[in-house]
Every structure is written in C-alpha cells, then in structure tokens.
Amino acid sequence: MNFHFKQTRHQTARGSRPDGVLGENWFLIKNVDELRLTYQIRLLAFMANDRGYRLVIRIPKDAKRHRTLREFVLQMDGVVKIDNFKNDGTVSSNI
C-alpha cells in the first residue's frame, strides 16, 4: 500500500503514536460522539499494517462511525478494528 505523507508548511513530516500497545495490538482511544476517518487514524493504520500489528480503536458505545471510517475499516481487511466501551469504563471486545 502506498501512502502520501503530508507535511506542514515548514516541510516537517507529521506523525502519530498509539495510546497503548499490548502484544500485536496498537490501541487508539477516542471519547467522541462521532468518529471520522482522520489523518491520525490513516497514518496509524498504515504504520500498523507495515509493521505487522493491528490498530484497535476504542470509542464510546453510543458513538457513531462516519461512512468514510466504515469504508476504510473494510478496505484495511482486518488491520483496523473498532471496539466500544461503556460509560463505566468496561470494554466489549473480541481481541
């Protein structure tokens, strides 16, 4: 997969790091009402794919997933997984 790295006006490549790493999984935790496909998600997904990891994004149970994000998850074929957490902090996951 090819990925075009965007740069700031000072020509510095942007980067991102997962919120946590456990085994083969990189975790990104977002507390949002609706999650869209962002540069951070795309970059972490491609990095995870390149290094043989899986990106697990955790969002609130009631959060909506934007259409572009749903399409991207399907396109990444198992590299990106979205889990939901409840307001009490527990996670429903199949990892």
Protein backbone atom coordinates (compact mmCIF):
# COMPACT_ATOMS: atom_id res chain seq x y z
CA MET A 1 0.00 0.00 0.00
CA ASN A 2 1.26 3.44 -0.87
CA PHE A 3 0.70 6.35 1.45
CA HIS A 4 1.44 10.00 0.77
CA PHE A 5 2.89 11.64 3.87
CA LYS A 6 1.63 15.18 4.22
CA GLN A 7 3.89 17.85 5.57
CA THR A 8 3.35 21.10 7.42
CA ARG A 9 4.19 24.43 5.85
CA HIS A 10 7.68 24.09 7.35
CA GLN A 11 8.09 20.76 5.49
CA THR A 12 8.16 18.65 8.63
CA ALA A 13 6.55 15.23 8.31
CA ARG A 14 3.66 14.74 10.72
CA GLY A 15 3.49 11.63 12.86
CA SER A 16 1.38 9.83 15.43
CA ARG A 17 1.71 7.24 18.17
CA PRO A 18 -0.87 4.82 19.56
CA ASP A 19 -2.24 5.41 23.06
CA GLY A 20 -1.10 1.94 24.07
CA VAL A 21 0.48 -1.26 22.82
CA LEU A 22 -0.36 -4.77 24.02
CA GLY A 23 1.07 -7.74 22.16
CA GLU A 24 0.19 -7.44 18.47
CA ASN A 25 -2.35 -4.65 19.07
CA TRP A 26 -1.96 -0.89 18.94
CA PHE A 27 -4.72 0.97 20.79
CA LEU A 28 -6.20 4.36 20.00
CA ILE A 29 -8.84 5.62 22.43
CA LYS A 30 -11.27 8.31 21.33
CA ASN A 31 -14.04 9.78 23.51
CA VAL A 32 -16.22 11.28 20.76
CA ASP A 33 -19.85 11.42 19.64
CA GLU A 34 -18.94 10.62 16.03
CA LEU A 35 -15.64 9.25 14.79
CA ARG A 36 -14.50 10.30 11.34
CA LEU A 37 -11.60 9.00 9.30
CA THR A 38 -8.74 11.29 10.35
CA TYR A 39 -5.14 11.64 9.27
CA GLN A 40 -4.13 10.15 12.65
CA ILE A 41 -6.22 7.02 12.05
CA ARG A 42 -4.98 6.59 8.48
CA LEU A 43 -1.35 7.04 9.48
CA LEU A 44 -1.55 4.64 12.45
CA ALA A 45 -3.40 2.06 10.33
CA PHE A 46 -0.77 2.11 7.59
CA MET A 47 2.05 2.02 10.15
CA ALA A 48 0.42 -0.93 11.93
CA ASN A 49 -0.08 -2.75 8.64
CA ASP A 50 3.52 -2.13 7.60
CA ARG A 51 4.89 -3.44 10.92
CA GLY A 52 2.54 -6.42 11.27
CA TYR A 53 0.29 -5.02 14.01
CA ARG A 54 -3.44 -4.38 14.29
CA LEU A 55 -4.93 -1.00 15.19
CA VAL A 56 -7.76 -1.25 17.72
CA ILE A 57 -9.78 1.95 18.06
CA ARG A 58 -11.92 2.21 21.19
CA ILE A 59 -14.88 4.57 21.17
CA PRO A 60 -17.94 5.08 23.43
CA LYS A 61 -20.78 2.60 22.95
CA ASP A 62 -23.13 5.29 21.62
CA ALA A 63 -20.61 6.91 19.26
CA LYS A 64 -21.41 6.96 15.56
CA ARG A 65 -18.94 5.83 12.91
CA HIS A 66 -18.74 8.07 9.87
CA ARG A 67 -19.25 6.41 6.48
CA THR A 68 -15.65 7.08 5.39
CA LEU A 69 -14.34 5.35 8.52
CA ARG A 70 -16.55 2.29 7.98
CA GLU A 71 -15.35 2.02 4.36
CA PHE A 72 -11.71 2.40 5.44
CA VAL A 73 -12.03 -0.37 8.05
CA LEU A 74 -13.37 -2.71 5.35
CA GLN A 75 -10.62 -1.67 2.95
CA MET A 76 -7.89 -2.36 5.53
CA ASP A 77 -9.07 -6.00 5.76
CA GLY A 78 -8.60 -6.81 9.45
CA VAL A 79 -5.82 -4.33 10.24
CA VAL A 80 -8.26 -1.90 11.88
CA LYS A 81 -10.83 -2.97 14.49
CA ILE A 82 -13.27 -0.73 16.35
CA ASP A 83 -14.33 -1.65 19.89
CA ASN A 84 -16.88 0.07 22.08
CA PHE A 85 -16.54 0.99 25.73
CA LYS A 86 -19.37 1.75 28.13
CA ASN A 87 -19.51 4.89 30.23
CA ASP A 88 -18.40 2.85 33.24
CA GLY A 89 -15.07 2.12 31.53
CA THR A 90 -15.68 -1.53 30.64
CA VAL A 91 -14.91 -2.69 27.12
CA SER A 92 -16.83 -5.05 24.88
CA SER A 93 -14.19 -6.67 22.73
CA ASN A 94 -13.24 -9.88 20.99
CA ILE A 95 -9.46 -9.35 20.91
